Structures are given as structure tokens and as C-alpha cells.
């Protein structure tokens, strides 16, 4: 699709922003009970640590502020979440469509791409690089 190539940087920026904003919603859900809240049986560690990474990490990724390290941490968290929240309850079934872990896998891979590529355009990181360099 050659017609999209001139827009690749902008498409990447929009993907980063949306991924961060969507990830933040999970943090708001866990920490503040918004968007349906979390099940009462959810362990406090998952609620507070996971919710904090989702909220703060999602904000940093969306803003493009320290986006690469934030995305790396978020990617790792989603890899752990996939195994703890989906593989183990599914009695070891590692297939995401079966264990309902598709969202965790997608977030994990999107965030590892952001960690590798950086914030890109339309980011605080890019703005800071322009003013200091």
C-alpha cells in the first residue's frame, strides 16, 4: 500500500496515542472502579500494581514522554498478565483465542514495538529532542 507510506509516521503516532489511552482505561478501571470496575476477588497486588502501571504507563505512552521505557515495562506486565490471568486459569492452554488472552497478547506486542521504535512524532520526547538538540 504505497499510498500509506508518506503517512507512516503519523499513523504510528496515532497508534501509540490510542494504545496509551486505551491502556489507561484499564488503570482507571482497577484503581477507581470506572468502566465496570474489577471483580471483588481480584488480588490487591494486581489491582494496585497492575492498575498503576496501566494508568501511568498508558499516560506516558499516549503523551510520548519516556514512551520507550514505559512501553517496555507495560509490555512485560502484559506478558506476565497473559500467563497469570489467562494461561494458568485455562489449565495451561497457551492459545489466546481459547484462553481469552488476545488483548494481553496484542498489548504486549504493540508495546514492545513502541519500546523498540520510540515515541516518534507528536510526542513530548520528540519535542524535547528538538529543543535540546
N, C-alpha and C. Protein backbone atom coordinates (compact mmCIF):
# COMPACT_ATOMS: atom_id res chain seq x y z
N UNK A 1 0.83 -1.18 0.00
CA UNK A 1 0.00 0.00 0.00
C UNK A 1 0.88 1.25 0.00
N UNK A 2 1.37 1.55 -1.14
CA UNK A 2 2.29 2.68 -1.28
C UNK A 2 1.67 4.02 -0.88
N UNK A 3 0.35 4.16 -1.03
CA UNK A 3 -0.26 5.44 -0.73
C UNK A 3 -0.23 5.76 0.77
N UNK A 4 0.00 4.77 1.62
CA UNK A 4 0.09 5.00 3.07
C UNK A 4 1.50 5.34 3.53
N UNK A 5 2.51 4.99 2.74
CA UNK A 5 3.90 5.20 3.15
C UNK A 5 4.22 6.64 3.55
N UNK A 6 3.73 7.65 2.83
CA UNK A 6 4.03 9.02 3.24
C UNK A 6 3.44 9.39 4.60
N UNK A 7 2.48 8.60 5.06
CA UNK A 7 1.78 8.89 6.31
C UNK A 7 2.20 7.96 7.46
N UNK A 8 3.22 7.15 7.24
CA UNK A 8 3.60 6.12 8.20
C UNK A 8 3.92 6.70 9.58
N UNK A 9 4.63 7.81 9.64
CA UNK A 9 4.98 8.39 10.94
C UNK A 9 3.74 8.87 11.69
N UNK A 10 2.80 9.46 10.96
CA UNK A 10 1.57 9.93 11.60
C UNK A 10 0.69 8.76 12.03
N UNK A 11 0.62 7.73 11.21
CA UNK A 11 -0.16 6.54 11.57
C UNK A 11 0.42 5.89 12.82
N UNK A 12 1.74 5.79 12.88
CA UNK A 12 2.40 5.24 14.06
C UNK A 12 2.08 6.08 15.30
N UNK A 13 2.13 7.42 15.15
CA UNK A 13 1.85 8.30 16.29
C UNK A 13 0.41 8.11 16.79
N UNK A 14 -0.53 8.01 15.87
CA UNK A 14 -1.93 7.81 16.26
C UNK A 14 -2.09 6.46 16.96
N UNK A 15 -1.41 5.43 16.45
CA UNK A 15 -1.47 4.11 17.09
C UNK A 15 -0.93 4.17 18.51
N UNK A 16 0.22 4.86 18.69
CA UNK A 16 0.82 4.99 20.02
C UNK A 16 -0.12 5.73 20.97
N UNK A 17 -0.70 6.81 20.50
CA UNK A 17 -1.60 7.61 21.34
C UNK A 17 -2.82 6.79 21.73
N UNK A 18 -3.45 6.14 20.77
CA UNK A 18 -4.65 5.35 21.08
C UNK A 18 -4.32 4.17 21.99
N UNK A 19 -3.22 3.49 21.74
CA UNK A 19 -2.84 2.36 22.60
C UNK A 19 -2.64 2.84 24.04
N UNK A 20 -1.97 3.98 24.22
CA UNK A 20 -1.76 4.52 25.55
C UNK A 20 -3.07 4.90 26.22
N UNK A 21 -3.95 5.58 25.48
CA UNK A 21 -5.24 5.99 26.06
C UNK A 21 -6.11 4.79 26.42
N UNK A 22 -6.13 3.78 25.56
CA UNK A 22 -6.91 2.58 25.86
C UNK A 22 -6.34 1.83 27.06
N UNK A 23 -5.01 1.78 27.16
CA UNK A 23 -4.36 1.12 28.29
C UNK A 23 -4.68 1.85 29.60
N UNK A 24 -4.73 3.18 29.53
CA UNK A 24 -5.07 3.98 30.71
C UNK A 24 -6.44 3.61 31.26
N UNK A 25 -7.38 3.28 30.38
CA UNK A 25 -8.72 2.93 30.84
C UNK A 25 -8.70 1.73 31.77
N UNK A 26 -7.80 0.79 31.53
CA UNK A 26 -7.69 -0.37 32.41
C UNK A 26 -7.20 0.06 33.79
N UNK A 27 -6.30 1.05 33.82
CA UNK A 27 -5.84 1.58 35.10
C UNK A 27 -6.96 2.28 35.84
N UNK A 28 -7.74 3.11 35.14
CA UNK A 28 -8.89 3.77 35.77
C UNK A 28 -9.89 2.74 36.29
N UNK A 29 -10.06 1.67 35.55
CA UNK A 29 -10.98 0.60 35.96
C UNK A 29 -10.51 -0.04 37.26
N UNK A 30 -9.23 -0.39 37.32
CA UNK A 30 -8.71 -1.07 38.51
C UNK A 30 -8.61 -0.15 39.71
N UNK A 31 -8.09 1.06 39.52
CA UNK A 31 -7.80 1.94 40.65
C UNK A 31 -9.00 2.73 41.15
N UNK A 32 -9.91 3.08 40.23
CA UNK A 32 -11.01 3.95 40.61
C UNK A 32 -12.39 3.35 40.39
N UNK A 33 -12.44 2.10 39.93
CA UNK A 33 -13.72 1.43 39.74
C UNK A 33 -14.53 1.92 38.56
N UNK A 34 -13.91 2.68 37.67
CA UNK A 34 -14.62 3.18 36.50
C UNK A 34 -14.78 2.08 35.45
N UNK A 35 -15.67 2.30 34.51
CA UNK A 35 -15.86 1.40 33.37
C UNK A 35 -16.17 -0.04 33.81
N UNK A 36 -16.94 -0.18 34.86
CA UNK A 36 -17.35 -1.50 35.33
C UNK A 36 -16.53 -2.04 36.48
N UNK A 37 -15.43 -1.40 36.82
CA UNK A 37 -14.62 -1.83 37.96
C UNK A 37 -13.96 -3.18 37.74
N UNK A 38 -13.42 -3.72 38.80
CA UNK A 38 -12.77 -5.03 38.75
C UNK A 38 -13.52 -6.00 39.65
N UNK A 39 -13.41 -7.27 39.37
CA UNK A 39 -14.07 -8.25 40.24
C UNK A 39 -13.57 -8.15 41.68
N UNK A 40 -14.45 -8.37 42.62
CA UNK A 40 -14.11 -8.25 44.05
C UNK A 40 -13.00 -9.22 44.45
N UNK A 41 -12.89 -10.34 43.76
CA UNK A 41 -11.88 -11.34 44.12
C UNK A 41 -10.50 -11.05 43.54
N UNK A 42 -10.35 -9.96 42.80
CA UNK A 42 -9.05 -9.63 42.23
C UNK A 42 -8.05 -9.33 43.34
N UNK A 43 -6.87 -9.95 43.31
CA UNK A 43 -5.86 -9.70 44.34
C UNK A 43 -5.42 -8.23 44.36
N UNK A 44 -5.16 -7.72 45.55
CA UNK A 44 -4.77 -6.32 45.71
C UNK A 44 -3.52 -5.99 44.90
N UNK A 45 -2.58 -6.92 44.81
CA UNK A 45 -1.35 -6.69 44.05
C UNK A 45 -1.68 -6.37 42.59
N UNK A 46 -2.57 -7.14 42.00
CA UNK A 46 -2.95 -6.92 40.60
C UNK A 46 -3.67 -5.60 40.46
N UNK A 47 -4.55 -5.29 41.40
CA UNK A 47 -5.31 -4.05 41.33
C UNK A 47 -4.39 -2.85 41.44
N UNK A 48 -3.53 -2.82 42.45
CA UNK A 48 -2.74 -1.61 42.69
C UNK A 48 -1.48 -1.52 41.83
N UNK A 49 -0.74 -2.60 41.71
CA UNK A 49 0.47 -2.55 40.88
C UNK A 49 0.10 -2.54 39.40
N UNK A 50 -0.74 -3.47 39.00
CA UNK A 50 -1.16 -3.51 37.60
C UNK A 50 -1.89 -2.25 37.19
N UNK A 51 -2.81 -1.80 38.03
CA UNK A 51 -3.56 -0.58 37.72
C UNK A 51 -2.67 0.64 37.62
N UNK A 52 -1.67 0.72 38.47
CA UNK A 52 -0.74 1.86 38.43
C UNK A 52 0.10 1.84 37.16
N UNK A 53 0.58 0.66 36.78
CA UNK A 53 1.36 0.55 35.54
C UNK A 53 0.47 0.91 34.35
N UNK A 54 -0.76 0.45 34.36
CA UNK A 54 -1.67 0.75 33.26
C UNK A 54 -1.99 2.24 33.18
N UNK A 55 -2.28 2.85 34.31
CA UNK A 55 -2.65 4.27 34.31
C UNK A 55 -1.46 5.16 33.97
N UNK A 56 -0.37 5.01 34.71
CA UNK A 56 0.80 5.87 34.49
C UNK A 56 1.49 5.51 33.18
N UNK A 57 1.69 4.23 32.93
CA UNK A 57 2.33 3.80 31.69
C UNK A 57 1.52 4.21 30.47
N UNK A 58 0.21 4.03 30.54
CA UNK A 58 -0.64 4.44 29.43
C UNK A 58 -0.56 5.93 29.16
N UNK A 59 -0.53 6.73 30.23
CA UNK A 59 -0.42 8.19 30.07
C UNK A 59 0.92 8.56 29.44
N UNK A 60 2.00 7.95 29.92
CA UNK A 60 3.32 8.25 29.36
C UNK A 60 3.41 7.84 27.89
N UNK A 61 2.86 6.69 27.57
CA UNK A 61 2.87 6.23 26.17
C UNK A 61 2.04 7.17 25.31
N UNK A 62 0.85 7.54 25.76
CA UNK A 62 -0.01 8.43 24.98
C UNK A 62 0.65 9.79 24.76
N UNK A 63 1.27 10.32 25.80
CA UNK A 63 1.94 11.61 25.69
C UNK A 63 3.25 11.53 24.92
N UNK A 64 3.82 10.35 24.87
CA UNK A 64 5.14 10.20 24.25
C UNK A 64 6.23 10.73 25.15
N UNK A 65 6.05 10.61 26.44
CA UNK A 65 7.03 11.06 27.44
C UNK A 65 7.66 9.81 28.05
N UNK A 66 8.95 9.62 27.81
CA UNK A 66 9.63 8.38 28.22
C UNK A 66 8.83 7.18 27.72
N UNK A 67 8.36 7.29 26.49
CA UNK A 67 7.47 6.28 25.91
C UNK A 67 8.14 4.92 25.78
N UNK A 68 9.40 4.88 25.37
CA UNK A 68 10.06 3.59 25.17
C UNK A 68 10.21 2.81 26.48
N UNK A 69 10.74 3.41 27.57
CA UNK A 69 10.81 2.65 28.81
C UNK A 69 9.43 2.31 29.38
N UNK A 70 8.48 3.23 29.26
CA UNK A 70 7.13 2.94 29.75
C UNK A 70 6.51 1.79 28.97
N UNK A 71 6.70 1.78 27.66
CA UNK A 71 6.16 0.70 26.83
C UNK A 71 6.84 -0.63 27.12
N UNK A 72 8.14 -0.59 27.41
CA UNK A 72 8.86 -1.82 27.75
C UNK A 72 8.29 -2.44 29.03
N UNK A 73 8.08 -1.61 30.03
CA UNK A 73 7.50 -2.09 31.30
C UNK A 73 6.08 -2.60 31.07
N UNK A 74 5.29 -1.84 30.30
CA UNK A 74 3.91 -2.26 30.02
C UNK A 74 3.88 -3.57 29.24
N UNK A 75 4.81 -3.75 28.31
CA UNK A 75 4.88 -4.99 27.55
C UNK A 75 5.17 -6.18 28.46
N UNK A 76 6.14 -5.99 29.34
CA UNK A 76 6.45 -7.06 30.29
C UNK A 76 5.28 -7.38 31.20
N UNK A 77 4.59 -6.33 31.65
CA UNK A 77 3.43 -6.56 32.50
C UNK A 77 2.36 -7.35 31.76
N UNK A 78 2.16 -7.04 30.49
CA UNK A 78 1.14 -7.75 29.73
C UNK A 78 1.54 -9.20 29.45
N UNK A 79 2.84 -9.45 29.30
CA UNK A 79 3.29 -10.84 29.13
C UNK A 79 2.99 -11.63 30.41
N UNK A 80 3.30 -11.03 31.56
CA UNK A 80 3.01 -11.69 32.84
C UNK A 80 1.50 -11.86 33.01
N UNK A 81 0.74 -10.82 32.67
CA UNK A 81 -0.72 -10.89 32.79
C UNK A 81 -1.30 -12.00 31.92
N UNK A 82 -0.73 -12.19 30.74
CA UNK A 82 -1.21 -13.25 29.87
C UNK A 82 -1.09 -14.61 30.55
N UNK A 83 0.07 -14.86 31.16
CA UNK A 83 0.27 -16.16 31.79
C UNK A 83 -0.51 -16.30 33.10
N UNK A 84 -0.48 -15.28 33.93
CA UNK A 84 -1.19 -15.36 35.22
C UNK A 84 -2.70 -15.31 35.03
N UNK A 85 -3.17 -14.43 34.16
CA UNK A 85 -4.61 -14.22 34.03
C UNK A 85 -5.30 -15.07 32.99
N UNK A 86 -4.52 -15.70 32.11
CA UNK A 86 -5.17 -16.44 31.03
C UNK A 86 -4.67 -17.87 30.89
N UNK A 87 -3.36 -18.09 30.87
CA UNK A 87 -2.83 -19.44 30.67
C UNK A 87 -3.08 -20.32 31.90
N UNK A 88 -2.74 -19.81 33.08
CA UNK A 88 -2.91 -20.62 34.30
C UNK A 88 -4.38 -20.96 34.55
N UNK A 89 -5.31 -19.97 34.51
CA UNK A 89 -6.72 -20.34 34.70
C UNK A 89 -7.27 -21.28 33.62
N UNK A 90 -6.67 -21.25 32.44
CA UNK A 90 -7.11 -22.13 31.35
C UNK A 90 -6.38 -23.47 31.40
N UNK A 91 -5.81 -23.80 32.55
CA UNK A 91 -5.12 -25.07 32.77
C UNK A 91 -3.99 -25.30 31.77
N UNK A 92 -3.23 -24.22 31.52
CA UNK A 92 -2.04 -24.33 30.69
C UNK A 92 -2.28 -24.15 29.21
N UNK A 93 -3.52 -23.89 28.81
CA UNK A 93 -3.77 -23.69 27.38
C UNK A 93 -3.20 -22.34 26.97
N UNK A 94 -2.22 -22.37 26.08
CA UNK A 94 -1.48 -21.16 25.69
C UNK A 94 -2.07 -20.47 24.46
N UNK A 95 -3.11 -21.01 23.88
CA UNK A 95 -3.71 -20.44 22.67
C UNK A 95 -4.62 -19.28 23.06
N UNK A 96 -4.27 -18.05 22.64
CA UNK A 96 -5.01 -16.87 23.11
C UNK A 96 -6.50 -16.87 22.79
N UNK A 97 -6.91 -17.39 21.65
CA UNK A 97 -8.34 -17.39 21.32
C UNK A 97 -9.11 -18.31 22.27
N UNK A 98 -8.44 -19.34 22.77
CA UNK A 98 -9.09 -20.29 23.68
C UNK A 98 -9.09 -19.74 25.11
N UNK A 99 -7.96 -19.16 25.55
CA UNK A 99 -7.86 -18.71 26.95
C UNK A 99 -8.29 -17.26 27.14
N UNK A 100 -8.81 -16.64 26.09
CA UNK A 100 -9.32 -15.26 26.11
C UNK A 100 -8.24 -14.24 26.44
N UNK A 101 -7.03 -14.50 25.99
CA UNK A 101 -5.92 -13.61 26.26
C UNK A 101 -5.46 -12.78 25.08
N UNK A 102 -6.32 -12.66 24.05
CA UNK A 102 -5.90 -11.92 22.85
C UNK A 102 -5.50 -10.49 23.16
N UNK A 103 -6.26 -9.80 24.01
CA UNK A 103 -5.96 -8.40 24.31
C UNK A 103 -4.60 -8.26 24.99
N UNK A 104 -4.30 -9.16 25.90
CA UNK A 104 -3.00 -9.12 26.58
C UNK A 104 -1.87 -9.33 25.57
N UNK A 105 -2.05 -10.25 24.64
CA UNK A 105 -1.01 -10.53 23.63
C UNK A 105 -0.83 -9.33 22.71
N UNK A 106 -1.93 -8.75 22.25
CA UNK A 106 -1.84 -7.59 21.36
C UNK A 106 -1.15 -6.43 22.07
N UNK A 107 -1.57 -6.11 23.30
CA UNK A 107 -0.91 -5.04 24.05
C UNK A 107 0.58 -5.33 24.21
N UNK A 108 0.92 -6.56 24.57
CA UNK A 108 2.31 -6.93 24.76
C UNK A 108 3.13 -6.62 23.52
N UNK A 109 2.65 -7.01 22.35
CA UNK A 109 3.41 -6.81 21.11
C UNK A 109 3.39 -5.37 20.64
N UNK A 110 2.27 -4.67 20.79
CA UNK A 110 2.23 -3.26 20.41
C UNK A 110 3.22 -2.48 21.27
N UNK A 111 3.25 -2.78 22.56
CA UNK A 111 4.15 -2.05 23.45
C UNK A 111 5.62 -2.40 23.21
N UNK A 112 5.92 -3.62 22.81
CA UNK A 112 7.32 -3.94 22.52
C UNK A 112 7.77 -3.23 21.24
N UNK A 113 6.86 -3.04 20.29
CA UNK A 113 7.18 -2.25 19.09
C UNK A 113 7.45 -0.79 19.47
N UNK A 114 6.60 -0.23 20.34
CA UNK A 114 6.81 1.15 20.79
C UNK A 114 8.13 1.26 21.55
N UNK A 115 8.43 0.27 22.38
CA UNK A 115 9.70 0.29 23.12
C UNK A 115 10.88 0.27 22.17
N UNK A 116 10.78 -0.48 21.09
CA UNK A 116 11.88 -0.57 20.13
C UNK A 116 11.98 0.66 19.24
N UNK A 117 10.87 1.22 18.84
CA UNK A 117 10.85 2.33 17.89
C UNK A 117 10.90 3.70 18.57
N UNK A 118 10.44 3.78 19.81
CA UNK A 118 10.40 5.07 20.49
C UNK A 118 9.08 5.78 20.25
N UNK A 119 8.99 6.99 20.76
CA UNK A 119 7.73 7.72 20.72
C UNK A 119 7.35 8.21 19.33
N UNK A 120 8.32 8.57 18.52
CA UNK A 120 8.01 9.09 17.19
C UNK A 120 7.53 10.54 17.26
N UNK A 121 6.86 10.94 16.18
CA UNK A 121 6.39 12.33 16.10
C UNK A 121 5.21 12.54 17.04
N UNK A 122 4.82 13.77 17.19
CA UNK A 122 3.69 14.16 18.04
C UNK A 122 3.87 13.64 19.46
N UNK A 123 5.06 13.81 20.00
CA UNK A 123 5.35 13.31 21.33
C UNK A 123 6.17 14.32 22.11
N UNK A 124 6.10 14.23 23.42
CA UNK A 124 6.92 15.08 24.27
C UNK A 124 8.39 14.74 24.06
N UNK A 125 8.70 13.46 23.90
CA UNK A 125 10.09 13.06 23.67
C UNK A 125 10.66 13.73 22.42
N UNK A 126 9.90 13.76 21.32
CA UNK A 126 10.36 14.39 20.08
C UNK A 126 10.51 15.90 20.28
N UNK A 127 9.58 16.48 20.99
CA UNK A 127 9.65 17.92 21.26
C UNK A 127 10.88 18.27 22.09
N UNK A 128 11.16 17.46 23.09
CA UNK A 128 12.33 17.69 23.95
C UNK A 128 13.61 17.51 23.15
N UNK A 129 13.64 16.56 22.24
CA UNK A 129 14.84 16.33 21.41
C UNK A 129 15.10 17.51 20.49
N UNK A 130 14.03 18.12 19.97
CA UNK A 130 14.18 19.28 19.10
C UNK A 130 14.73 20.50 19.86
N UNK A 131 14.29 20.67 21.11
CA UNK A 131 14.70 21.85 21.87
C UNK A 131 16.09 21.70 22.48
N UNK A 132 16.53 20.46 22.71
CA UNK A 132 17.86 20.26 23.30
C UNK A 132 18.92 19.96 22.27
N UNK A 133 18.52 19.57 21.07
CA UNK A 133 19.50 19.15 20.08
C UNK A 133 19.70 20.14 19.04
